[in-house]
């Protein structure tokens, strides 16, 4: 007889699997056979493989895009920002190079791409350049016309007065609206009975159509004060408070500005500025509103502004209800300033006729007795002293000294100076000629600007363009 007890004590070597007939077969791929009689074959963990004839769990290698921190342990998907080349140890997991990124499950450095705001290859990502944008994928694209971007940008911003189109280009803001710049959806309509030129970028460039007046800033809540500080510092402070250094466009606004400024002794800056006097600025010597509003209301003192003077900014004194404007140096003196809130669209209400407001035709007339012969116009005297006569003149012409008595029989006939102030409603836009004729000298001002000077028996005409108002 044969002794079979020795046969039953045999088991397959490591790397082999026992078959049903007791024979040993090499362990198949993606599994391992330890040779233990109690376990014929064990599968590799998910997402791992090995070769035929493997005998230990450590022979199982993670697939590309997976890693294992311990040999033979479960394989984990490679995390975002990394790449895993496969294997069975954590050294097969590596971070993407600086300023680059990868999706989960990446297996190669080539799967890494530059972060938004950077461009180049994964191994050399550089900061996106000025006026370029870098969305993703390492591409660097130039900003469209009328847009800009800082370094490291992922998009471009349209210039003030431009809006972004569906294709990413920037188009000029259409008329009767304003575009503060930035992105889509920032085109804002001026409102009912309001208009603006194309390319406008602030609500202050919206104005009421003829026959309507803006009452939005007749509400004190739409104003605030800053300072004391320099003109430039106040301008920045207004912007920081979501406002703009104020334009003043009506008598009511002047009164509110004076109230907001709350200064009984000092002047307050308003938003009138010019580049400065001198030949280099001869083409643009005029003061303009910083908020781009049209200059359709002024309250300059007589003789102001001085076109040839050194002043580059304008102030008013609160105690005069904001109605005494004059040039004031270069803006370095620390004063308060008045601001209007940005984004306040016009509230256009139908205006009133002069007759409906109780106004009468003619000129507000003041006469001053100087008491001595004059070689030049005594503008400082006229701006600082109380007149000897105040009244309304239906017409300006005085052909003889005796004609002064038609206003008041007590007015002297010599050594006088007078002012005649009125409003002229321009119904049709166009070129108009204004002139004076006098035998003792006269000055002609329009909106506070002297446009005509006469000496003895000389007629000095001037023309200017004036629109309906």
Protein backbone atom coordinates (compact mmCIF):
# COMPACT_ATOMS: atom_id res chain seq x y z
CA UNK A 1 0.00 0.00 0.00
CA UNK A 2 1.03 3.66 -0.58
CA UNK A 3 1.27 6.11 2.30
CA UNK A 4 -0.59 9.32 1.23
CA UNK A 5 -0.22 11.27 4.46
CA UNK A 6 2.88 13.04 3.16
CA UNK A 7 0.94 14.25 0.07
CA UNK A 8 -1.78 15.91 2.07
CA UNK A 9 0.82 17.98 3.96
CA UNK A 10 2.14 19.62 0.72
CA UNK A 11 1.15 23.12 -0.44
CA UNK A 12 2.09 25.30 -3.36
CA UNK A 13 5.14 27.49 -3.21
CA UNK A 14 4.75 31.33 -2.98
CA UNK A 15 3.72 32.72 -6.30
CA UNK A 16 1.67 29.62 -7.16
CA UNK A 17 -1.98 28.76 -6.70
CA UNK A 18 -3.23 25.26 -5.86
CA UNK A 19 -5.63 23.79 -8.37
CA UNK A 20 -8.58 21.46 -7.64
CA UNK A 21 -6.58 18.41 -8.61
CA UNK A 22 -3.86 19.35 -6.16
CA UNK A 23 -1.45 20.68 -8.80
CA UNK A 24 0.14 24.15 -8.53
CA UNK A 25 -0.40 26.88 -11.13
CA UNK A 26 1.51 30.15 -11.35
CA UNK A 27 -0.43 32.98 -9.62
CA UNK A 28 -2.35 35.04 -12.23
CA UNK A 29 -1.75 38.74 -12.83
CA UNK A 30 -3.38 41.36 -10.59
CA UNK A 31 -3.28 39.00 -7.61
CA UNK A 32 -0.73 37.46 -5.25
CA UNK A 33 -0.29 33.94 -3.88
CA UNK A 34 1.52 33.62 -0.57
CA UNK A 35 1.65 29.82 -0.56
CA UNK A 36 -0.41 29.62 2.59
CA UNK A 37 -2.65 26.56 2.36
CA UNK A 38 -5.54 28.49 3.86
CA UNK A 39 -5.49 31.13 1.08
CA UNK A 40 -5.02 30.10 -2.45
CA UNK A 41 -5.11 33.61 -4.09
CA UNK A 42 -5.66 37.24 -3.00
CA UNK A 43 -6.66 40.06 -5.41
CA UNK A 44 -4.67 43.30 -5.59
CA UNK A 45 -6.41 46.38 -4.14
CA UNK A 46 -8.61 48.38 -6.53
CA UNK A 47 -6.70 50.50 -9.09
CA UNK A 48 -3.53 48.43 -8.73
CA UNK A 49 -1.85 45.70 -10.84
CA UNK A 50 1.04 43.27 -10.70
CA UNK A 51 2.70 40.59 -12.79
CA UNK A 52 2.06 36.83 -13.03
CA UNK A 53 3.60 34.83 -10.21
CA UNK A 54 3.48 37.54 -7.57
CA UNK A 55 3.51 36.38 -3.98
CA UNK A 56 2.98 39.47 -1.75
CA UNK A 57 0.61 42.45 -1.50
CA UNK A 58 3.56 44.77 -1.87
CA UNK A 59 3.91 43.57 -5.46
CA UNK A 60 0.64 45.36 -6.33
CA UNK A 61 1.43 48.70 -7.93
CA UNK A 62 -1.08 51.57 -8.09
CA UNK A 63 -2.22 52.58 -11.55
CA UNK A 64 -1.29 55.99 -13.01
CA UNK A 65 -3.32 58.71 -11.34
CA UNK A 66 -3.41 56.82 -8.01
CA UNK A 67 -1.04 56.47 -5.08
CA UNK A 68 -0.66 54.47 -1.90
CA UNK A 69 1.05 55.67 1.23
CA UNK A 70 1.89 52.11 2.30
CA UNK A 71 2.98 49.26 0.01
CA UNK A 72 0.07 46.96 -0.69
CA UNK A 73 -2.49 49.34 0.89
CA UNK A 74 -5.52 50.73 -0.90
CA UNK A 75 -4.80 53.05 -3.84
CA UNK A 76 -6.12 56.63 -3.51
CA UNK A 77 -6.94 58.92 -6.42
CA UNK A 78 -4.27 61.57 -6.93
CA UNK A 79 -5.43 64.84 -5.35
CA UNK A 80 -5.88 68.19 -7.18
CA UNK A 81 -2.65 70.09 -7.67
CA UNK A 82 -0.62 66.87 -7.82
CA UNK A 83 0.32 64.15 -10.30
CA UNK A 84 0.85 60.43 -9.57
CA UNK A 85 2.86 58.31 -11.97
CA UNK A 86 1.81 55.04 -10.38
CA UNK A 87 3.60 52.72 -7.96
CA UNK A 88 3.15 51.62 -4.41
CA UNK A 89 4.72 54.38 -2.33
CA UNK A 90 3.96 58.03 -1.69
CA UNK A 91 7.13 59.14 -3.45
CA UNK A 92 5.21 58.50 -6.66
CA UNK A 93 2.95 61.44 -5.81
CA UNK A 94 4.37 64.89 -6.58
CA UNK A 95 3.04 68.45 -6.38
CA UNK A 96 2.61 70.50 -9.55
CA UNK A 97 5.34 73.16 -10.07
CA UNK A 98 4.89 76.63 -8.57
CA UNK A 99 1.86 78.60 -9.83
CA UNK A 100 0.39 75.61 -11.67
CA UNK A 101 -2.49 73.27 -10.98
CA UNK A 102 -3.92 69.91 -12.07
CA UNK A 103 -7.26 68.11 -11.78
CA UNK A 104 -7.70 65.08 -9.52
CA UNK A 105 -6.40 61.84 -11.02
CA UNK A 106 -3.52 63.44 -12.93
CA UNK A 107 -0.58 61.18 -13.74
CA UNK A 108 2.06 63.43 -15.29
CA UNK A 109 3.57 66.91 -14.87
CA UNK A 110 2.17 67.61 -18.32
CA UNK A 111 -1.30 67.43 -16.75
CA UNK A 112 -0.41 70.56 -14.71
CA UNK A 113 -1.26 73.94 -16.25
CA UNK A 114 -0.56 77.50 -15.11
CA UNK A 115 -2.93 79.05 -12.59
CA UNK A 116 -5.28 81.83 -13.73
CA UNK A 117 -3.26 85.06 -13.87
CA UNK A 118 -0.13 83.20 -15.05
CA UNK A 119 1.03 81.97 -18.45
CA UNK A 120 3.60 79.62 -19.96
CA UNK A 121 4.33 75.90 -19.56
CA UNK A 122 3.65 74.01 -16.35
CA UNK A 123 7.35 74.02 -15.47
CA UNK A 124 7.73 77.77 -16.09
CA UNK A 125 4.62 79.80 -15.20
CA UNK A 126 5.14 83.61 -15.33
CA UNK A 127 2.93 86.40 -13.99
CA UNK A 128 0.52 87.73 -16.62
CA UNK A 129 1.79 91.02 -18.10
CA UNK A 130 0.22 94.48 -17.88
CA UNK A 131 -2.70 94.96 -20.31
CA UNK A 132 -2.87 91.21 -20.95
CA UNK A 133 -5.14 88.61 -19.38
CA UNK A 134 -4.44 84.96 -18.59
CA UNK A 135 -7.56 82.92 -17.91
CA UNK A 136 -6.19 79.37 -17.74
CA UNK A 137 -4.23 76.83 -19.71
CA UNK A 138 -1.09 78.97 -19.85
CA UNK A 139 -2.39 81.29 -22.57
CA UNK A 140 -1.67 85.04 -22.53
CA UNK A 141 -4.04 87.27 -24.54
CA UNK A 142 -3.85 91.02 -25.21
CA UNK A 143 -6.65 93.19 -23.84
CA UNK A 144 -9.11 94.48 -26.46
CA UNK A 145 -9.01 98.12 -27.56
CA UNK A 146 -10.34 100.57 -24.92
CA UNK A 147 -9.64 98.17 -22.06
CA UNK A 148 -6.80 97.55 -19.65
CA UNK A 149 -5.59 95.11 -17.01
CA UNK A 150 -3.00 95.05 -14.25
CA UNK A 151 -0.34 92.38 -13.90
CA UNK A 152 -1.67 88.98 -12.91
CA UNK A 153 -5.15 89.66 -14.34
CA UNK A 154 -7.59 87.05 -15.54
CA UNK A 155 -9.77 89.55 -17.43
CA UNK A 156 -9.65 93.09 -18.82
CA UNK A 157 -11.69 96.07 -17.70
CA UNK A 158 -13.28 98.44 -20.20
CA UNK A 159 -12.24 102.07 -19.92
CA UNK A 160 -14.56 104.64 -18.40
CA UNK A 161 -17.29 105.37 -20.92
CA UNK A 162 -17.09 101.94 -22.56
CA UNK A 163 -19.05 98.72 -22.13
CA UNK A 164 -18.10 95.11 -22.81
CA UNK A 165 -19.77 93.26 -25.68
CA UNK A 166 -20.62 89.55 -25.83
CA UNK A 167 -17.38 88.87 -27.72
CA UNK A 168 -15.30 90.60 -25.04
CA UNK A 169 -14.60 93.78 -27.02
CA UNK A 170 -15.37 97.22 -25.58
CA UNK A 171 -17.80 99.57 -27.29
CA UNK A 172 -18.50 103.23 -26.58
CA UNK A 173 -21.33 103.83 -24.15
CA UNK A 174 -24.43 104.89 -26.12
CA UNK A 175 -25.93 108.32 -25.68
CA UNK A 176 -28.49 108.96 -22.93
CA UNK A 177 -26.70 106.53 -20.60
CA UNK A 178 -23.40 106.24 -18.77
CA UNK A 179 -20.91 103.39 -18.34
CA UNK A 180 -18.65 103.53 -15.29
CA UNK A 181 -16.40 100.87 -16.85
CA UNK A 182 -15.80 97.33 -15.68
CA UNK A 183 -17.95 94.55 -17.09
CA UNK A 184 -21.22 93.65 -18.69
CA UNK A 185 -24.41 95.06 -17.27
CA UNK A 186 -22.89 98.39 -16.23
CA UNK A 187 -24.64 100.51 -18.83
CA UNK A 188 -26.99 102.71 -16.83
CA UNK A 189 -29.76 104.80 -18.37
CA UNK A 190 -29.79 108.50 -17.51
CA UNK A 191 -33.51 108.39 -16.78
CA UNK A 192 -36.69 110.05 -17.97
CA UNK A 193 -36.23 113.43 -19.68
CA UNK A 194 -32.46 113.20 -19.27
CA UNK A 195 -29.72 112.89 -21.87
CA UNK A 196 -25.97 112.45 -22.15
CA UNK A 197 -23.39 112.31 -24.94
CA UNK A 198 -22.03 108.93 -26.00
CA UNK A 199 -19.01 107.84 -24.03
CA UNK A 200 -20.32 109.20 -20.71
CA UNK A 201 -19.12 107.40 -17.60
CA UNK A 202 -20.75 109.18 -14.66
CA UNK A 203 -24.31 110.10 -13.73
CA UNK A 204 -23.18 113.71 -13.46
CA UNK A 205 -22.77 113.77 -17.25
CA UNK A 206 -26.50 113.18 -17.59
CA UNK A 207 -28.44 116.44 -17.89
CA UNK A 208 -32.08 117.27 -18.23
CA UNK A 209 -33.49 118.05 -21.64
CA UNK A 210 -34.56 121.59 -22.47
CA UNK A 211 -37.55 122.63 -20.38
CA UNK A 212 -36.63 120.39 -17.43
CA UNK A 213 -34.39 120.97 -14.43
CA UNK A 214 -32.55 118.48 -12.22
CA UNK A 215 -33.77 118.39 -8.63
CA UNK A 216 -31.82 115.29 -7.52
CA UNK A 217 -29.22 117.40 -5.74
CA UNK A 218 -31.74 119.73 -4.17
CA UNK A 219 -31.82 117.05 -1.45
CA UNK A 220 -29.16 117.51 1.24
CA UNK A 221 -28.86 113.72 1.72
CA UNK A 222 -27.09 113.47 -1.66
CA UNK A 223 -24.23 115.69 -0.43
CA UNK A 224 -21.43 115.36 2.11
CA UNK A 225 -18.35 117.31 3.18
CA UNK A 226 -14.71 116.27 3.58
CA UNK A 227 -11.53 117.91 4.82
CA UNK A 228 -9.92 120.17 5.68
CA UNK A 229 -7.28 118.98 3.21
CA UNK A 230 -5.69 119.99 -0.08
CA UNK A 231 -7.76 119.98 -3.26
CA UNK A 232 -6.28 116.67 -4.45
CA UNK A 233 -6.67 115.06 -1.01
CA UNK A 234 -10.29 116.21 -0.83
CA UNK A 235 -10.92 114.86 -4.33
CA UNK A 236 -9.63 111.46 -3.19
CA UNK A 237 -11.68 111.64 0.02
CA UNK A 238 -14.85 112.31 -1.98
CA UNK A 239 -14.12 109.25 -4.14
CA UNK A 240 -13.42 107.14 -1.05
CA UNK A 241 -16.88 108.10 0.23
CA UNK A 242 -18.46 106.95 -3.05
CA UNK A 243 -18.79 110.50 -4.29
CA UNK A 244 -17.16 113.16 -6.43
CA UNK A 245 -16.03 116.67 -5.56
CA UNK A 246 -19.12 118.67 -6.36
CA UNK A 247 -20.25 120.62 -9.35
CA UNK A 248 -22.84 123.30 -8.56
CA UNK A 249 -25.46 123.71 -11.23
CA UNK A 250 -28.23 125.85 -9.77
CA UNK A 251 -28.96 128.45 -7.12
CA UNK A 252 -30.57 125.79 -4.92
CA UNK A 253 -27.50 123.56 -5.18
CA UNK A 254 -25.28 126.51 -4.21
CA UNK A 255 -27.37 127.07 -1.09
CA UNK A 256 -27.21 123.36 -0.12
CA UNK A 257 -23.45 123.27 -0.75
CA UNK A 258 -23.00 126.21 1.63
CA UNK A 259 -25.09 124.45 4.26
CA UNK A 260 -23.20 121.17 3.88
CA UNK A 261 -19.83 122.90 4.10
CA UNK A 262 -20.80 124.54 7.43
CA UNK A 263 -17.93 126.97 7.39
CA UNK A 264 -18.64 130.53 8.52
CA UNK A 265 -15.14 131.88 8.10
CA UNK A 266 -13.22 129.69 5.66
CA UNK A 267 -13.66 128.88 2.00
CA UNK A 268 -14.69 125.49 0.62
CA UNK A 269 -13.36 123.80 -2.50
CA UNK A 270 -15.75 122.90 -5.31
CA UNK A 271 -15.00 120.72 -8.32
CA UNK A 272 -13.84 123.43 -10.72
CA UNK A 273 -10.26 123.00 -11.89
CA UNK A 274 -8.02 123.90 -14.78
CA UNK A 275 -4.53 122.90 -15.84
CA UNK A 276 -3.17 126.35 -15.06
CA UNK A 277 -2.16 129.55 -16.83
CA UNK A 278 0.70 129.88 -19.25
CA UNK A 279 1.44 129.23 -22.94
CA UNK A 280 1.43 125.45 -22.45
CA UNK A 281 -2.26 125.60 -21.49
CA UNK A 282 -3.36 128.36 -23.84
CA UNK A 283 -5.66 125.99 -25.72
CA UNK A 284 -7.61 125.10 -22.57
CA UNK A 285 -7.43 127.98 -20.06
CA UNK A 286 -10.96 127.51 -18.75
CA UNK A 287 -12.14 125.93 -15.54
CA UNK A 288 -14.18 122.74 -16.02
CA UNK A 289 -16.10 120.52 -13.63
CA UNK A 290 -14.23 117.41 -12.55
CA UNK A 291 -17.48 115.39 -12.69
CA UNK A 292 -17.79 116.34 -16.39
CA UNK A 293 -21.03 118.29 -15.90
CA UNK A 294 -21.62 121.09 -18.35
CA UNK A 295 -20.74 124.56 -17.04
CA UNK A 296 -24.26 126.00 -17.26
CA UNK A 297 -24.33 127.80 -13.90
CA UNK A 298 -21.71 130.02 -12.28
CA UNK A 299 -21.60 132.42 -9.35
CA UNK A 300 -18.23 134.10 -9.75
CA UNK A 301 -17.44 137.30 -7.95
CA UNK A 302 -17.01 140.28 -10.23
CA UNK A 303 -13.65 140.01 -11.95
CA UNK A 304 -13.40 136.27 -11.41
CA UNK A 305 -12.03 133.99 -12.61
CA UNK A 306 -8.83 135.66 -13.74
CA UNK A 307 -7.99 133.95 -17.01
CA UNK A 308 -4.39 135.10 -16.85
CA UNK A 309 -4.06 134.59 -13.09
CA UNK A 310 -2.19 131.79 -11.36
CA UNK A 311 -5.24 130.14 -9.78
CA UNK A 312 -6.06 126.56 -10.76
CA UNK A 313 -8.96 125.77 -8.39
CA UNK A 314 -12.15 127.52 -7.24
CA UNK A 315 -13.65 128.04 -3.78
CA UNK A 316 -16.75 129.65 -2.29
CA UNK A 317 -17.52 131.14 1.11
CA UNK A 318 -20.35 129.51 3.05
CA UNK A 319 -21.53 132.76 4.58
CA UNK A 320 -22.52 134.01 1.11
CA UNK A 321 -24.83 131.01 0.50
CA UNK A 322 -22.23 129.62 -1.85
CA UNK A 323 -22.71 132.46 -4.34
CA UNK A 324 -19.29 134.12 -4.21
CA UNK A 325 -16.88 132.01 -6.24
CA UNK A 326 -13.28 132.96 -6.89
CA UNK A 327 -10.01 131.36 -7.93
CA UNK A 328 -7.85 130.13 -5.07
CA UNK A 329 -4.20 129.31 -5.64
CA UNK A 330 -2.98 125.89 -6.65
CA UNK A 331 -5.11 123.83 -4.26
CA UNK A 332 -2.42 123.09 -1.70
CA UNK A 333 -4.11 125.02 1.11
CA UNK A 334 -6.07 122.77 3.48
CA UNK A 335 -9.77 123.64 3.24
CA UNK A 336 -13.02 121.75 3.43
CA UNK A 337 -14.73 120.56 0.26
CA UNK A 338 -18.25 119.56 -0.73
CA UNK A 339 -19.00 116.26 -2.50
CA UNK A 340 -21.96 114.84 -4.38
CA UNK A 341 -22.84 111.16 -4.09
CA UNK A 342 -21.93 109.18 -7.20
CA UNK A 343 -24.50 107.21 -9.16
CA UNK A 344 -27.29 109.71 -8.47
CA UNK A 345 -29.12 109.96 -11.78
CA UNK A 346 -30.97 113.17 -12.60
CA UNK A 347 -34.49 113.73 -11.39
CA UNK A 348 -35.77 115.90 -14.21
CA UNK A 349 -38.83 117.94 -13.46
CA UNK A 350 -40.52 120.33 -15.81
CA UNK A 351 -39.13 123.81 -15.34
CA UNK A 352 -40.96 127.04 -14.80
CA UNK A 353 -41.02 130.09 -17.01
CA UNK A 354 -39.53 133.33 -15.67
CA UNK A 355 -43.00 134.89 -15.58
CA UNK A 356 -44.38 131.89 -13.69
CA UNK A 357 -41.67 132.37 -11.09
CA UNK A 358 -42.60 136.00 -10.61
CA UNK A 359 -39.53 137.31 -12.42
CA UNK A 360 -39.73 140.53 -14.40
CA UNK A 361 -37.78 141.59 -17.43
CA UNK A 362 -34.79 143.88 -17.12
CA UNK A 363 -31.45 144.03 -15.34
CA UNK A 364 -30.62 144.12 -11.65
CA UNK A 365 -28.82 147.47 -11.49
CA UNK A 366 -26.36 148.79 -8.90
CA UNK A 367 -24.73 152.23 -9.01
CA UNK A 368 -21.71 153.19 -6.98
CA UNK A 369 -20.54 156.78 -6.45
CA UNK A 370 -16.75 156.60 -6.73
CA UNK A 371 -16.16 160.31 -6.15
CA UNK A 372 -13.06 160.64 -8.30
CA UNK A 373 -12.04 160.16 -11.93
CA UNK A 374 -11.31 156.54 -12.93
CA UNK A 375 -8.61 155.27 -15.25
CA UNK A 376 -9.62 151.60 -14.94
CA UNK A 377 -12.74 149.70 -13.99
CA UNK A 378 -12.97 149.67 -10.12
CA UNK A 379 -13.86 145.98 -9.97
CA UNK A 380 -12.62 145.42 -6.41
CA UNK A 381 -14.71 148.37 -5.21
CA UNK A 382 -17.80 147.04 -6.95
CA UNK A 383 -17.32 143.62 -5.33
CA UNK A 384 -16.78 144.82 -1.78
CA UNK A 385 -18.89 147.91 -1.00
CA UNK A 386 -22.63 148.50 -0.70
CA UNK A 387 -24.07 150.23 -3.78
CA UNK A 388 -25.50 153.73 -3.49
CA UNK A 389 -28.43 152.71 -5.67
CA UNK A 390 -30.15 149.38 -6.30
CA UNK A 391 -32.99 148.86 -8.73
CA UNK A 392 -34.28 147.29 -11.93
CA UNK A 393 -33.43 148.79 -15.32
CA UNK A 394 -35.71 147.79 -18.16
CA UNK A 395 -32.95 148.52 -20.66
CA UNK A 396 -29.24 149.20 -20.45
CA UNK A 397 -28.73 152.12 -22.90
CA UNK A 398 -27.96 155.46 -21.24
CA UNK A 399 -27.17 157.93 -23.98
CA UNK A 400 -26.52 160.86 -21.64
CA UNK A 401 -25.56 161.27 -17.98
CA UNK A 402 -28.97 162.79 -17.38
CA UNK A 403 -30.55 159.45 -18.33
CA UNK A 404 -29.41 158.03 -14.98
CA UNK A 405 -32.13 160.12 -13.35
CA UNK A 406 -34.76 157.91 -14.98
CA UNK A 407 -33.80 155.33 -12.35
CA UNK A 408 -33.39 157.74 -9.45
CA UNK A 409 -33.35 161.57 -9.59
CA UNK A 410 -30.69 161.57 -6.86
CA UNK A 411 -28.08 159.67 -8.87
CA UNK A 412 -25.08 161.94 -9.63
CA UNK A 413 -24.20 162.48 -13.26
CA UNK A 414 -20.46 161.91 -13.02
CA UNK A 415 -17.81 159.72 -11.32
CA UNK A 416 -20.15 156.73 -11.25
CA UNK A 417 -19.65 153.01 -11.77
CA UNK A 418 -22.53 150.63 -12.33
CA UNK A 419 -23.30 146.94 -12.84
CA UNK A 420 -26.16 145.47 -14.85
CA UNK A 421 -26.88 141.77 -14.24
CA UNK A 422 -29.50 139.67 -15.96
CA UNK A 423 -30.30 136.30 -17.49
CA UNK A 424 -30.63 135.65 -21.18
CA UNK A 425 -32.60 132.59 -22.26
CA UNK A 426 -31.12 131.09 -25.43
CA UNK A 427 -33.89 129.36 -27.33
CA UNK A 428 -31.83 128.17 -30.30
CA UNK A 429 -28.25 126.93 -30.22
CA UNK A 430 -25.88 128.89 -32.42
CA UNK A 431 -23.30 131.68 -32.70
CA UNK A 432 -24.28 135.01 -31.10
CA UNK A 433 -22.45 138.33 -31.05
CA UNK A 434 -22.42 140.43 -27.87
CA UNK A 435 -20.97 143.94 -27.65
CA UNK A 436 -21.08 147.14 -25.63
CA UNK A 437 -20.52 150.78 -26.56
CA UNK A 438 -19.47 153.34 -23.99
CA UNK A 439 -17.62 156.65 -23.76
CA UNK A 440 -16.03 155.96 -20.39
CA UNK A 441 -15.19 152.28 -20.48
CA UNK A 442 -17.19 149.10 -19.94
CA UNK A 443 -16.63 145.38 -19.42
CA UNK A 444 -18.94 142.63 -20.66
CA UNK A 445 -19.16 139.33 -18.74
CA UNK A 446 -20.94 136.12 -19.74
CA UNK A 447 -21.19 133.42 -17.08
CA UNK A 448 -18.58 135.24 -15.05
CA UNK A 449 -16.07 135.40 -17.90
CA UNK A 450 -15.13 138.78 -19.36
CA UNK A 451 -15.68 138.61 -23.11
CA UNK A 452 -15.60 142.28 -24.10
CA UNK A 453 -13.67 145.42 -23.06
CA UNK A 454 -14.47 148.95 -24.25
CA UNK A 455 -12.58 152.19 -23.90
CA UNK A 456 -13.67 155.66 -25.05
CA UNK A 457 -16.05 155.44 -27.99
CA UNK A 458 -14.88 151.99 -29.09
CA UNK A 459 -17.20 149.12 -29.92
CA UNK A 460 -15.62 145.75 -29.19
CA UNK A 461 -17.81 142.86 -30.40
CA UNK A 462 -17.26 139.25 -29.44
CA UNK A 463 -19.01 136.03 -30.45
CA UNK A 464 -19.51 132.81 -28.60
CA UNK A 465 -21.48 129.60 -28.96
CA UNK A 466 -24.36 129.19 -26.53
CA UNK A 467 -26.87 126.38 -26.41
CA UNK A 468 -30.47 126.31 -25.18
CA UNK A 469 -30.75 126.54 -21.41
